PDB file of N, CA and C in Angstrom:
ATOM      1  N   UNK A   1     128.177 274.574 275.663  1.00  0.00           N
ATOM      2  CA  UNK A   1     128.810 275.812 276.092  1.00  0.00           C
ATOM      3  C   UNK A   1     129.869 276.172 275.069  1.00  0.00           C
ATOM      4  N   UNK A   2     130.055 277.466 274.903  1.00  0.00           N
ATOM      5  CA  UNK A   2     131.092 277.928 273.991  1.00  0.00           C
ATOM      6  C   UNK A   2     131.997 278.941 274.750  1.00  0.00           C
ATOM      7  N   UNK A   3     133.307 278.712 274.594  1.00  0.00           N
ATOM      8  CA  UNK A   3     134.287 279.549 275.218  1.00  0.00           C
ATOM      9  C   UNK A   3     135.119 280.248 274.152  1.00  0.00           C
ATOM     10  N   UNK A   4     135.614 281.447 274.457  1.00  0.00           N
ATOM     11  CA  UNK A   4     136.458 282.187 273.542  1.00  0.00           C
ATOM     12  C   UNK A   4     137.769 282.559 274.223  1.00  0.00           C
ATOM     13  N   UNK A   5     138.837 282.427 273.452  1.00  0.00           N
ATOM     14  CA  UNK A   5     140.165 282.820 273.977  1.00  0.00           C
ATOM     15  C   UNK A   5     140.812 283.732 272.933  1.00  0.00           C
ATOM     16  N   UNK A   6     141.162 284.977 273.325  1.00  0.00           N
ATOM     17  CA  UNK A   6     141.878 285.858 272.385  1.00  0.00           C
ATOM     18  C   UNK A   6     143.247 285.261 272.127  1.00  0.00           C
ATOM     19  N   UNK A   7     143.658 285.207 270.872  1.00  0.00           N
ATOM     20  CA  UNK A   7     144.854 284.454 270.528  1.00  0.00           C
ATOM     21  C   UNK A   7     145.752 285.249 269.576  1.00  0.00           C
ATOM     22  N   UNK A   8     147.034 285.115 269.795  1.00  0.00           N
ATOM     23  CA  UNK A   8     148.069 285.717 268.920  1.00  0.00           C
ATOM     24  C   UNK A   8     149.244 284.759 268.876  1.00  0.00           C
ATOM     25  N   UNK A   9     149.756 284.450 267.687  1.00  0.00           N
ATOM     26  CA  UNK A   9     150.871 283.558 267.555  1.00  0.00           C
ATOM     27  C   UNK A   9     150.688 282.222 268.242  1.00  0.00           C
ATOM     28  N   UNK A  10     149.452 281.723 268.240  1.00  0.00           N
ATOM     29  CA  UNK A  10     149.159 280.385 268.722  1.00  0.00           C
ATOM     30  C   UNK A  10     149.015 280.272 270.245  1.00  0.00           C
ATOM     31  N   UNK A  11     149.108 281.408 270.968  1.00  0.00           N
ATOM     32  CA  UNK A  11     148.887 281.376 272.408  1.00  0.00           C
ATOM     33  C   UNK A  11     147.926 282.468 272.762  1.00  0.00           C
ATOM     34  N   UNK A  12     147.376 282.366 274.038  1.00  0.00           N
ATOM     35  CA  UNK A  12     146.454 283.413 274.485  1.00  0.00           C
ATOM     36  C   UNK A  12     147.164 284.752 274.500  1.00  0.00           C
ATOM     37  N   UNK A  13     146.523 285.704 273.893  1.00  0.00           N
ATOM     38  CA  UNK A  13     147.029 287.076 273.876  1.00  0.00           C
ATOM     39  C   UNK A  13     146.770 287.723 275.222  1.00  0.00           C
ATOM     40  N   UNK A  14     147.730 288.275 275.877  1.00  0.00           N
ATOM     41  CA  UNK A  14     147.541 288.839 277.224  1.00  0.00           C
ATOM     42  C   UNK A  14     146.402 289.843 277.325  1.00  0.00           C
ATOM     43  N   UNK A  15     146.156 290.647 276.301  1.00  0.00           N
ATOM     44  CA  UNK A  15     145.036 291.623 276.354  1.00  0.00           C
ATOM     45  C   UNK A  15     144.085 291.272 275.204  1.00  0.00           C
ATOM     46  N   UNK A  16     142.826 291.016 275.597  1.00  0.00           N
ATOM     47  CA  UNK A  16     141.868 290.522 274.619  1.00  0.00           C
ATOM     48  C   UNK A  16     141.696 291.446 273.433  1.00  0.00           C
ATOM     49  N   UNK A  17     141.834 292.748 273.621  1.00  0.00           N
ATOM     50  CA  UNK A  17     141.603 293.695 272.552  1.00  0.00           C
ATOM     51  C   UNK A  17     142.754 293.791 271.548  1.00  0.00           C
ATOM     52  N   UNK A  18     143.856 293.143 271.811  1.00  0.00           N
ATOM     53  CA  UNK A  18     145.015 293.195 270.920  1.00  0.00           C
ATOM     54  C   UNK A  18     145.296 291.889 270.190  1.00  0.00           C
ATOM     55  N   UNK A  19     144.333 291.004 270.209  1.00  0.00           N
ATOM     56  CA  UNK A  19     144.566 289.691 269.620  1.00  0.00           C
ATOM     57  C   UNK A  19     144.469 289.716 268.089  1.00  0.00           C
ATOM     58  N   UNK A  20     145.069 288.698 267.492  1.00  0.00           N
ATOM     59  CA  UNK A  20     144.990 288.545 266.030  1.00  0.00           C
ATOM     60  C   UNK A  20     143.661 287.865 265.646  1.00  0.00           C
ATOM     61  N   UNK A  21     143.328 286.840 266.463  1.00  0.00           N
ATOM     62  CA  UNK A  21     142.130 286.040 266.197  1.00  0.00           C
ATOM     63  C   UNK A  21     141.508 285.661 267.534  1.00  0.00           C
ATOM     64  N   UNK A  22     140.291 285.194 267.458  1.00  0.00           N
ATOM     65  CA  UNK A  22     139.645 284.546 268.616  1.00  0.00           C
ATOM     66  C   UNK A  22     139.498 283.054 268.319  1.00  0.00           C
ATOM     67  N   UNK A  23     139.951 282.272 269.264  1.00  0.00           N
ATOM     68  CA  UNK A  23     139.775 280.801 269.128  1.00  0.00           C
ATOM     69  C   UNK A  23     138.548 280.466 269.962  1.00  0.00           C
ATOM     70  N   UNK A  24     137.539 279.886 269.270  1.00  0.00           N
ATOM     71  CA  UNK A  24     136.269 279.563 269.922  1.00  0.00           C
ATOM     72  C   UNK A  24     136.209 278.028 270.067  1.00  0.00           C
ATOM     73  N   UNK A  25     135.721 277.604 271.222  1.00  0.00           N
ATOM     74  CA  UNK A  25     135.655 276.202 271.542  1.00  0.00           C
ATOM     75  C   UNK A  25     134.231 275.825 271.977  1.00  0.00           C
ATOM     76  N   UNK A  26     133.642 274.862 271.283  1.00  0.00           N
ATOM     77  CA  UNK A  26     132.438 274.216 271.762  1.00  0.00           C
ATOM     78  C   UNK A  26     132.927 273.130 272.703  1.00  0.00           C
ATOM     79  N   UNK A  27     132.309 273.046 273.866  1.00  0.00           N
ATOM     80  CA  UNK A  27     132.775 272.057 274.838  1.00  0.00           C
ATOM     81  C   UNK A  27     131.579 271.252 275.376  1.00  0.00           C
ATOM     82  N   UNK A  28     131.902 270.023 275.802  1.00  0.00           N
ATOM     83  CA  UNK A  28     131.011 269.163 276.501  1.00  0.00           C
ATOM     84  C   UNK A  28     131.435 269.230 277.952  1.00  0.00           C
ATOM     85  N   UNK A  29     130.679 269.968 278.743  1.00  0.00           N
ATOM     86  CA  UNK A  29     131.019 270.162 280.166  1.00  0.00           C
ATOM     87  C   UNK A  29     131.015 268.851 280.930  1.00  0.00           C
ATOM     88  N   UNK A  30     130.048 268.001 280.653  1.00  0.00           N
ATOM     89  CA  UNK A  30     129.901 266.758 281.402  1.00  0.00           C
ATOM     90  C   UNK A  30     131.141 265.831 281.173  1.00  0.00           C
ATOM     91  N   UNK A  31     131.551 265.714 279.913  1.00  0.00           N
ATOM     92  CA  UNK A  31     132.667 264.825 279.606  1.00  0.00           C
ATOM     93  C   UNK A  31     133.995 265.592 279.634  1.00  0.00           C
ATOM     94  N   UNK A  32     133.953 266.885 279.905  1.00  0.00           N
ATOM     95  CA  UNK A  32     135.135 267.707 280.011  1.00  0.00           C
ATOM     96  C   UNK A  32     136.028 267.575 278.753  1.00  0.00           C
ATOM     97  N   UNK A  33     135.388 267.822 277.607  1.00  0.00           N
ATOM     98  CA  UNK A  33     136.152 267.735 276.357  1.00  0.00           C
ATOM     99  C   UNK A  33     135.730 268.803 275.350  1.00  0.00           C
ATOM    100  N   UNK A  34     136.648 269.108 274.467  1.00  0.00           N
ATOM    101  CA  UNK A  34     136.384 270.046 273.417  1.00  0.00           C
ATOM    102  C   UNK A  34     135.767 269.302 272.252  1.00  0.00           C
ATOM    103  N   UNK A  35     134.627 269.786 271.739  1.00  0.00           N
ATOM    104  CA  UNK A  35     133.936 269.069 270.661  1.00  0.00           C
ATOM    105  C   UNK A  35     134.102 269.754 269.308  1.00  0.00           C
ATOM    106  N   UNK A  36     134.472 271.055 269.322  1.00  0.00           N
ATOM    107  CA  UNK A  36     134.693 271.758 268.084  1.00  0.00           C
ATOM    108  C   UNK A  36     135.547 272.997 268.364  1.00  0.00           C
ATOM    109  N   UNK A  37     136.408 273.347 267.404  1.00  0.00           N
ATOM    110  CA  UNK A  37     137.264 274.536 267.523  1.00  0.00           C
ATOM    111  C   UNK A  37     137.142 275.376 266.246  1.00  0.00           C
ATOM    112  N   UNK A  38     136.997 276.649 266.413  1.00  0.00           N
ATOM    113  CA  UNK A  38     136.970 277.600 265.306  1.00  0.00           C
ATOM    114  C   UNK A  38     137.974 278.716 265.588  1.00  0.00           C
ATOM    115  N   UNK A  39     138.623 279.182 264.545  1.00  0.00           N
ATOM    116  CA  UNK A  39     139.478 280.324 264.680  1.00  0.00           C
ATOM    117  C   UNK A  39     138.899 281.436 263.784  1.00  0.00           C
ATOM    118  N   UNK A  40     138.521 282.552 264.394  1.00  0.00           N
ATOM    119  CA  UNK A  40     137.836 283.607 263.648  1.00  0.00           C
ATOM    120  C   UNK A  40     138.590 284.940 263.775  1.00  0.00           C
ATOM    121  N   UNK A  41     138.626 285.658 262.680  1.00  0.00           N
ATOM    122  CA  UNK A  41     139.136 287.030 262.682  1.00  0.00           C
ATOM    123  C   UNK A  41     138.111 287.960 263.266  1.00  0.00           C
ATOM    124  N   UNK A  42     138.472 288.757 264.242  1.00  0.00           N
ATOM    125  CA  UNK A  42     137.502 289.646 264.847  1.00  0.00           C
ATOM    126  C   UNK A  42     137.289 290.885 264.002  1.00  0.00           C
ATOM    127  N   UNK A  43     136.184 291.597 264.229  1.00  0.00           N
ATOM    128  CA  UNK A  43     135.967 292.874 263.587  1.00  0.00           C
ATOM    129  C   UNK A  43     136.924 293.910 264.208  1.00  0.00           C
ATOM    130  N   UNK A  44     136.957 295.098 263.652  1.00  0.00           N
ATOM    131  CA  UNK A  44     137.803 296.185 264.157  1.00  0.00           C
ATOM    132  C   UNK A  44     137.511 296.405 265.624  1.00  0.00           C
ATOM    133  N   UNK A  45     138.535 296.653 266.404  1.00  0.00           N
ATOM    134  CA  UNK A  45     138.394 296.829 267.859  1.00  0.00           C
ATOM    135  C   UNK A  45     137.931 298.270 268.166  1.00  0.00           C
ATOM    136  N   UNK A  46     136.683 298.368 268.537  1.00  0.00           N
ATOM    137  CA  UNK A  46     136.114 299.636 269.019  1.00  0.00           C
ATOM    138  C   UNK A  46     135.227 299.293 270.230  1.00  0.00           C
ATOM    139  N   UNK A  47     135.014 300.209 271.148  1.00  0.00           N
ATOM    140  CA  UNK A  47     134.244 299.914 272.353  1.00  0.00           C
ATOM    141  C   UNK A  47     132.886 299.269 272.011  1.00  0.00           C
ATOM    142  N   UNK A  48     132.632 298.129 272.615  1.00  0.00           N
ATOM    143  CA  UNK A  48     131.368 297.430 272.461  1.00  0.00           C
ATOM    144  C   UNK A  48     131.233 296.489 271.269  1.00  0.00           C
ATOM    145  N   UNK A  49     132.158 296.622 270.304  1.00  0.00           N
ATOM    146  CA  UNK A  49     132.044 295.781 269.079  1.00  0.00           C
ATOM    147  C   UNK A  49     132.336 294.340 269.412  1.00  0.00           C
ATOM    148  N   UNK A  50     133.462 294.049 270.070  1.00  0.00           N
ATOM    149  CA  UNK A  50     133.820 292.627 270.334  1.00  0.00           C
ATOM    150  C   UNK A  50     132.814 291.889 271.204  1.00  0.00           C
ATOM    151  N   UNK A  51     132.327 292.499 272.273  1.00  0.00           N
ATOM    152  CA  UNK A  51     131.284 291.759 273.067  1.00  0.00           C
ATOM    153  C   UNK A  51     130.060 291.402 272.216  1.00  0.00           C
ATOM    154  N   UNK A  52     129.548 292.365 271.379  1.00  0.00           N
ATOM    155  CA  UNK A  52     128.417 292.071 270.565  1.00  0.00           C
ATOM    156  C   UNK A  52     128.717 290.963 269.571  1.00  0.00           C
ATOM    157  N   UNK A  53     129.875 291.026 268.903  1.00  0.00           N
ATOM    158  CA  UNK A  53     130.291 290.035 267.908  1.00  0.00           C
ATOM    159  C   UNK A  53     130.439 288.660 268.571  1.00  0.00           C
ATOM    160  N   UNK A  54     131.076 288.601 269.717  1.00  0.00           N
ATOM    161  CA  UNK A  54     131.232 287.299 270.384  1.00  0.00           C
ATOM    162  C   UNK A  54     129.902 286.762 270.829  1.00  0.00           C
ATOM    163  N   UNK A  55     128.968 287.619 271.236  1.00  0.00           N
ATOM    164  CA  UNK A  55     127.626 287.194 271.601  1.00  0.00           C
ATOM    165  C   UNK A  55     126.940 286.599 270.352  1.00  0.00           C
ATOM    166  N   UNK A  56     127.110 287.209 269.215  1.00  0.00           N
ATOM    167  CA  UNK A  56     126.502 286.712 267.976  1.00  0.00           C
ATOM    168  C   UNK A  56     127.106 285.330 267.619  1.00  0.00           C
ATOM    169  N   UNK A  57     128.344 285.064 268.062  1.00  0.00           N
ATOM    170  CA  UNK A  57     128.955 283.780 267.790  1.00  0.00           C
ATOM    171  C   UNK A  57     128.485 282.718 268.779  1.00  0.00           C
ATOM    172  N   UNK A  58     127.707 283.112 269.759  1.00  0.00           N
ATOM    173  CA  UNK A  58     127.177 282.175 270.776  1.00  0.00           C
ATOM    174  C   UNK A  58     128.096 281.913 271.968  1.00  0.00           C
ATOM    175  N   UNK A  59     129.067 282.819 272.202  1.00  0.00           N
ATOM    176  CA  UNK A  59     130.000 282.629 273.263  1.00  0.00           C
ATOM    177  C   UNK A  59     129.349 282.851 274.637  1.00  0.00           C
ATOM    178  N   UNK A  60     129.676 281.950 275.558  1.00  0.00           N
ATOM    179  CA  UNK A  60     129.175 282.022 276.908  1.00  0.00           C
ATOM    180  C   UNK A  60     130.232 282.530 277.924  1.00  0.00           C
ATOM    181  N   UNK A  61     131.501 282.213 277.628  1.00  0.00           N
ATOM    182  CA  UNK A  61     132.609 282.542 278.538  1.00  0.00           C
ATOM    183  C   UNK A  61     133.796 283.040 277.696  1.00  0.00           C
ATOM    184  N   UNK A  62     134.422 284.116 278.157  1.00  0.00           N
ATOM    185  CA  UNK A  62     135.697 284.545 277.535  1.00  0.00           C
ATOM    186  C   UNK A  62     136.749 284.475 278.599  1.00  0.00           C
ATOM    187  N   UNK A  63     137.910 283.917 278.255  1.00  0.00           N
ATOM    188  CA  UNK A  63     139.032 283.794 279.162  1.00  0.00           C
ATOM    189  C   UNK A  63     140.167 284.642 278.573  1.00  0.00           C
ATOM    190  N   UNK A  64     140.669 285.582 279.396  1.00  0.00           N
ATOM    191  CA  UNK A  64     141.708 286.496 278.931  1.00  0.00           C
ATOM    192  C   UNK A  64     142.724 286.731 280.030  1.00  0.00           C
ATOM    193  N   UNK A  65     143.843 287.260 279.619  1.00  0.00           N
ATOM    194  CA  UNK A  65     144.851 287.653 280.589  1.00  0.00           C
ATOM    195  C   UNK A  65     144.481 288.961 281.235  1.00  0.00           C
ATOM    196  N   UNK A  66     143.994 289.892 280.434  1.00  0.00           N
ATOM    197  CA  UNK A  66     143.637 291.184 280.937  1.00  0.00           C
ATOM    198  C   UNK A  66     142.544 291.835 280.136  1.00  0.00           C
ATOM    199  N   UNK A  67     141.716 292.609 280.793  1.00  0.00           N
ATOM    200  CA  UNK A  67     140.603 293.294 280.136  1.00  0.00           C
ATOM    201  C   UNK A  67     140.185 294.464 280.967  1.00  0.00           C
ATOM    202  N   UNK A  68     140.005 295.611 280.370  1.00  0.00           N
ATOM    203  CA  UNK A  68     139.541 296.826 281.084  1.00  0.00           C
ATOM    204  C   UNK A  68     138.137 296.623 281.623  1.00  0.00           C
ATOM    205  N   UNK A  69     137.846 297.399 282.659  1.00  0.00           N
ATOM    206  CA  UNK A  69     136.534 297.299 283.323  1.00  0.00           C
ATOM    207  C   UNK A  69     135.387 297.632 282.370  1.00  0.00           C
ATOM    208  N   UNK A  70     135.604 298.585 281.507  1.00  0.00           N
ATOM    209  CA  UNK A  70     134.533 299.011 280.568  1.00  0.00           C
ATOM    210  C   UNK A  70     134.213 297.820 279.653  1.00  0.00           C
ATOM    211  N   UNK A  71     135.197 297.131 279.144  1.00  0.00           N
ATOM    212  CA  UNK A  71     134.954 295.955 278.294  1.00  0.00           C
ATOM    213  C   UNK A  71     134.249 294.885 279.074  1.00  0.00           C
ATOM    214  N   UNK A  72     134.666 294.668 280.301  1.00  0.00           N
ATOM    215  CA  UNK A  72     133.974 293.623 281.118  1.00  0.00           C
ATOM    216  C   UNK A  72     132.467 293.999 281.313  1.00  0.00           C
ATOM    217  N   UNK A  73     132.182 295.238 281.468  1.00  0.00           N
ATOM    218  CA  UNK A  73     130.767 295.655 281.621  1.00  0.00           C
ATOM    219  C   UNK A  73     129.997 295.412 280.315  1.00  0.00           C
ATOM    220  N   UNK A  74     130.632 295.637 279.169  1.00  0.00           N
ATOM    221  CA  UNK A  74     129.969 295.327 277.892  1.00  0.00           C
ATOM    222  C   UNK A  74     129.671 293.818 277.830  1.00  0.00           C
ATOM    223  N   UNK A  75     130.566 293.006 278.202  1.00  0.00           N
ATOM    224  CA  UNK A  75     130.383 291.550 278.147  1.00  0.00           C
ATOM    225  C   UNK A  75     129.210 291.165 279.095  1.00  0.00           C
ATOM    226  N   UNK A  76     129.117 291.767 280.262  1.00  0.00           N
ATOM    227  CA  UNK A  76     128.039 291.503 281.174  1.00  0.00           C
ATOM    228  C   UNK A  76     126.677 291.805 280.568  1.00  0.00           C
ATOM    229  N   UNK A  77     126.583 292.869 279.752  1.00  0.00           N
ATOM    230  CA  UNK A  77     125.346 293.225 279.067  1.00  0.00           C
ATOM    231  C   UNK A  77     124.879 292.083 278.120  1.00  0.00           C
ATOM    232  N   UNK A  78     125.821 291.307 277.646  1.00  0.00           N
ATOM    233  CA  UNK A  78     125.513 290.204 276.738  1.00  0.00           C
ATOM    234  C   UNK A  78     125.504 288.852 277.465  1.00  0.00           C
ATOM    235  N   UNK A  79     125.508 288.891 278.796  1.00  0.00           N
ATOM    236  CA  UNK A  79     125.519 287.676 279.596  1.00  0.00           C
ATOM    237  C   UNK A  79     126.664 286.723 279.270  1.00  0.00           C
ATOM    238  N   UNK A  80     127.819 287.318 279.002  1.00  0.00           N
ATOM    239  CA  UNK A  80     129.020 286.529 278.731  1.00  0.00           C
ATOM    240  C   UNK A  80     129.889 286.637 279.996  1.00  0.00           C
ATOM    241  N   UNK A  81     130.215 285.479 280.573  1.00  0.00           N
ATOM    242  CA  UNK A  81     131.050 285.431 281.768  1.00  0.00           C
ATOM    243  C   UNK A  81     132.496 285.774 281.364  1.00  0.00           C
ATOM    244  N   UNK A  82     133.171 286.626 282.122  1.00  0.00           N
ATOM    245  CA  UNK A  82     134.518 287.061 281.842  1.00  0.00           C
ATOM    246  C   UNK A  82     135.441 286.507 282.913  1.00  0.00           C
ATOM    247  N   UNK A  83     136.510 285.862 282.464  1.00  0.00           N
ATOM    248  CA  UNK A  83     137.527 285.363 283.422  1.00  0.00           C
ATOM    249  C   UNK A  83     138.835 285.998 283.008  1.00  0.00           C
ATOM    250  N   UNK A  84     139.456 286.769 283.865  1.00  0.00           N
ATOM    251  CA  UNK A  84     140.732 287.421 283.593  1.00  0.00           C
ATOM    252  C   UNK A  84     141.793 286.937 284.507  1.00  0.00           C
ATOM    253  N   UNK A  85     143.053 287.163 284.064  1.00  0.00           N
ATOM    254  CA  UNK A  85     144.173 286.771 284.888  1.00  0.00           C
ATOM    255  C   UNK A  85     144.791 285.439 284.478  1.00  0.00           C
ATOM    256  N   UNK A  86     144.294 284.868 283.334  1.00  0.00           N
ATOM    257  CA  UNK A  86     144.848 283.622 282.845  1.00  0.00           C
ATOM    258  C   UNK A  86     146.246 283.830 282.297  1.00  0.00           C
ATOM    259  N   UNK A  87     147.066 282.836 282.410  1.00  0.00           N
ATOM    260  CA  UNK A  87     148.441 282.895 281.899  1.00  0.00           C
ATOM    261  C   UNK A  87     148.426 282.594 280.413  1.00  0.00           C
ATOM    262  N   UNK A  88     149.396 283.175 279.705  1.00  0.00           N
ATOM    263  CA  UNK A  88     149.479 282.963 278.243  1.00  0.00           C
ATOM    264  C   UNK A  88     149.968 281.553 277.965  1.00  0.00           C
ATOM    265  N   UNK A  89     149.026 280.738 277.488  1.00  0.00           N
ATOM    266  CA  UNK A  89     149.282 279.346 277.115  1.00  0.00           C
ATOM    267  C   UNK A  89     148.513 279.067 275.829  1.00  0.00           C
ATOM    268  N   UNK A  90     148.645 277.843 275.315  1.00  0.00           N
ATOM    269  CA  UNK A  90     147.867 277.451 274.171  1.00  0.00           C
ATOM    270  C   UNK A  90     146.388 277.525 274.553  1.00  0.00           C
ATOM    271  N   UNK A  91     145.531 278.009 273.683  1.00  0.00           N
ATOM    272  CA  UNK A  91     144.123 278.132 274.001  1.00  0.00           C
ATOM    273  C   UNK A  91     143.484 276.814 274.446  1.00  0.00           C
ATOM    274  N   UNK A  92     143.874 275.697 273.773  1.00  0.00           N
ATOM    275  CA  UNK A  92     143.330 274.421 274.133  1.00  0.00           C
ATOM    276  C   UNK A  92     143.631 274.026 275.580  1.00  0.00           C
ATOM    277  N   UNK A  93     144.852 274.333 275.992  1.00  0.00           N
ATOM    278  CA  UNK A  93     145.261 274.046 277.375  1.00  0.00           C
ATOM    279  C   UNK A  93     144.404 274.853 278.366  1.00  0.00           C
ATOM    280  N   UNK A  94     144.210 276.131 278.055  1.00  0.00           N
ATOM    281  CA  UNK A  94     143.405 276.989 278.923  1.00  0.00           C
ATOM    282  C   UNK A  94     141.983 276.439 279.074  1.00  0.00           C
ATOM    283  N   UNK A  95     141.380 276.072 277.954  1.00  0.00           N
ATOM    284  CA  UNK A  95     139.994 275.561 277.968  1.00  0.00           C
ATOM    285  C   UNK A  95     139.921 274.261 278.712  1.00  0.00           C
ATOM    286  N   UNK A  96     140.816 273.354 278.482  1.00  0.00           N
ATOM    287  CA  UNK A  96     140.821 272.069 279.200  1.00  0.00           C
ATOM    288  C   UNK A  96     141.030 272.265 280.720  1.00  0.00           C
ATOM    289  N   UNK A  97     141.906 273.225 281.087  1.00  0.00           N
ATOM    290  CA  UNK A  97     142.078 273.522 282.482  1.00  0.00           C
ATOM    291  C   UNK A  97     140.786 274.108 283.082  1.00  0.00           C
ATOM    292  N   UNK A  98     140.088 274.929 282.304  1.00  0.00           N
ATOM    293  CA  UNK A  98     138.797 275.488 282.768  1.00  0.00           C
ATOM    294  C   UNK A  98     137.813 274.355 283.001  1.00  0.00           C
ATOM    295  N   UNK A  99     137.693 273.442 282.036  1.00  0.00           N
ATOM    296  CA  UNK A  99     136.756 272.363 282.161  1.00  0.00           C
ATOM    297  C   UNK A  99     137.074 271.417 283.346  1.00  0.00           C
ATOM    298  N   UNK A 100     138.382 271.245 283.618  1.00  0.00           N
ATOM    299  CA  UNK A 100     138.766 270.362 284.707  1.00  0.00           C
ATOM    300  C   UNK A 100     138.865 271.079 286.055  1.00  0.00           C
ATOM    301  N   UNK A 101     138.540 272.343 286.082  1.00  0.00           N
ATOM    302  CA  UNK A 101     138.560 273.111 287.325  1.00  0.00           C
ATOM    303  C   UNK A 101     140.001 273.430 287.835  1.00  0.00           C
ATOM    304  N   UNK A 102     140.958 273.376 286.900  1.00  0.00           N
ATOM    305  CA  UNK A 102     142.362 273.649 287.301  1.00  0.00           C
ATOM    306  C   UNK A 102     142.922 274.905 286.699  1.00  0.00           C
ATOM    307  N   UNK A 103     142.043 275.761 286.100  1.00  0.00           N
ATOM    308  CA  UNK A 103     142.525 277.027 285.505  1.00  0.00           C
ATOM    309  C   UNK A 103     142.917 277.966 286.642  1.00  0.00           C
ATOM    310  N   UNK A 104     144.192 278.380 286.594  1.00  0.00           N
ATOM    311  CA  UNK A 104     144.681 279.316 287.597  1.00  0.00           C
ATOM    312  C   UNK A 104     144.558 280.739 287.065  1.00  0.00           C
ATOM    313  N   UNK A 105     143.944 281.596 287.863  1.00  0.00           N
ATOM    314  CA  UNK A 105     143.778 282.993 287.457  1.00  0.00           C
ATOM    315  C   UNK A 105     144.563 283.857 288.415  1.00  0.00           C
ATOM    316  N   UNK A 106     145.290 284.818 287.855  1.00  0.00           N
ATOM    317  CA  UNK A 106     146.036 285.779 288.682  1.00  0.00           C
ATOM    318  C   UNK A 106     145.339 287.109 288.589  1.00  0.00           C
ATOM    319  N   UNK A 107     146.184 288.134 288.617  1.00  0.00           N
ATOM    320  CA  UNK A 107     145.685 289.501 288.565  1.00  0.00           C
ATOM    321  C   UNK A 107     145.281 289.841 287.103  1.00  0.00           C
ATOM    322  N   UNK A 108     144.329 290.718 286.957  1.00  0.00           N
ATOM    323  CA  UNK A 108     143.974 291.308 285.680  1.00  0.00           C
ATOM    324  C   UNK A 108     145.162 292.145 285.233  1.00  0.00           C
ATOM    325  N   UNK A 109     145.771 291.797 284.135  1.00  0.00           N
ATOM    326  CA  UNK A 109     147.001 292.501 283.667  1.00  0.00           C
ATOM    327  C   UNK A 109     146.652 293.811 282.987  1.00  0.00           C
ATOM    328  N   UNK A 110     145.371 294.131 282.876  1.00  0.00           N
ATOM    329  CA  UNK A 110     145.019 295.378 282.173  1.00  0.00           C
ATOM    330  C   UNK A 110     144.624 296.400 283.226  1.00  0.00           C
ATOM    331  N   UNK A 111     145.149 297.601 283.114  1.00  0.00           N
ATOM    332  CA  UNK A 111     144.949 298.598 284.174  1.00  0.00           C
ATOM    333  C   UNK A 111     144.048 299.758 283.724  1.00  0.00           C
ATOM    334  N   UNK A 112     143.240 299.545 282.664  1.00  0.00           N
ATOM    335  CA  UNK A 112     142.346 300.630 282.280  1.00  0.00           C
ATOM    336  C   UNK A 112     140.911 300.170 282.260  1.00  0.00           C
TER     337      UNK A 112
END
């Protein structure tokens, strides 16, 4: 499984479309561990571009603080699970919390 976390200044960026980079994690779900990490510069942010690009990277799940409904619908078209409402923390912490079933999600901080 591969997870993506929008990242800025070493922590999860509250809005996925405003991130500097995407931190991608290959994970072993059974052993609940990260097996590989990549930090990639995203293409220009335009409607539909990031979901297609993340799909091409093999992403299964994206975890963000906030994301508009239109973007979430684009991700659904690519069968990428969207989790919003995560708190801004180090991406590794977010992914490990997800794997351990302890990721706390609040409200989607994006209102568009």
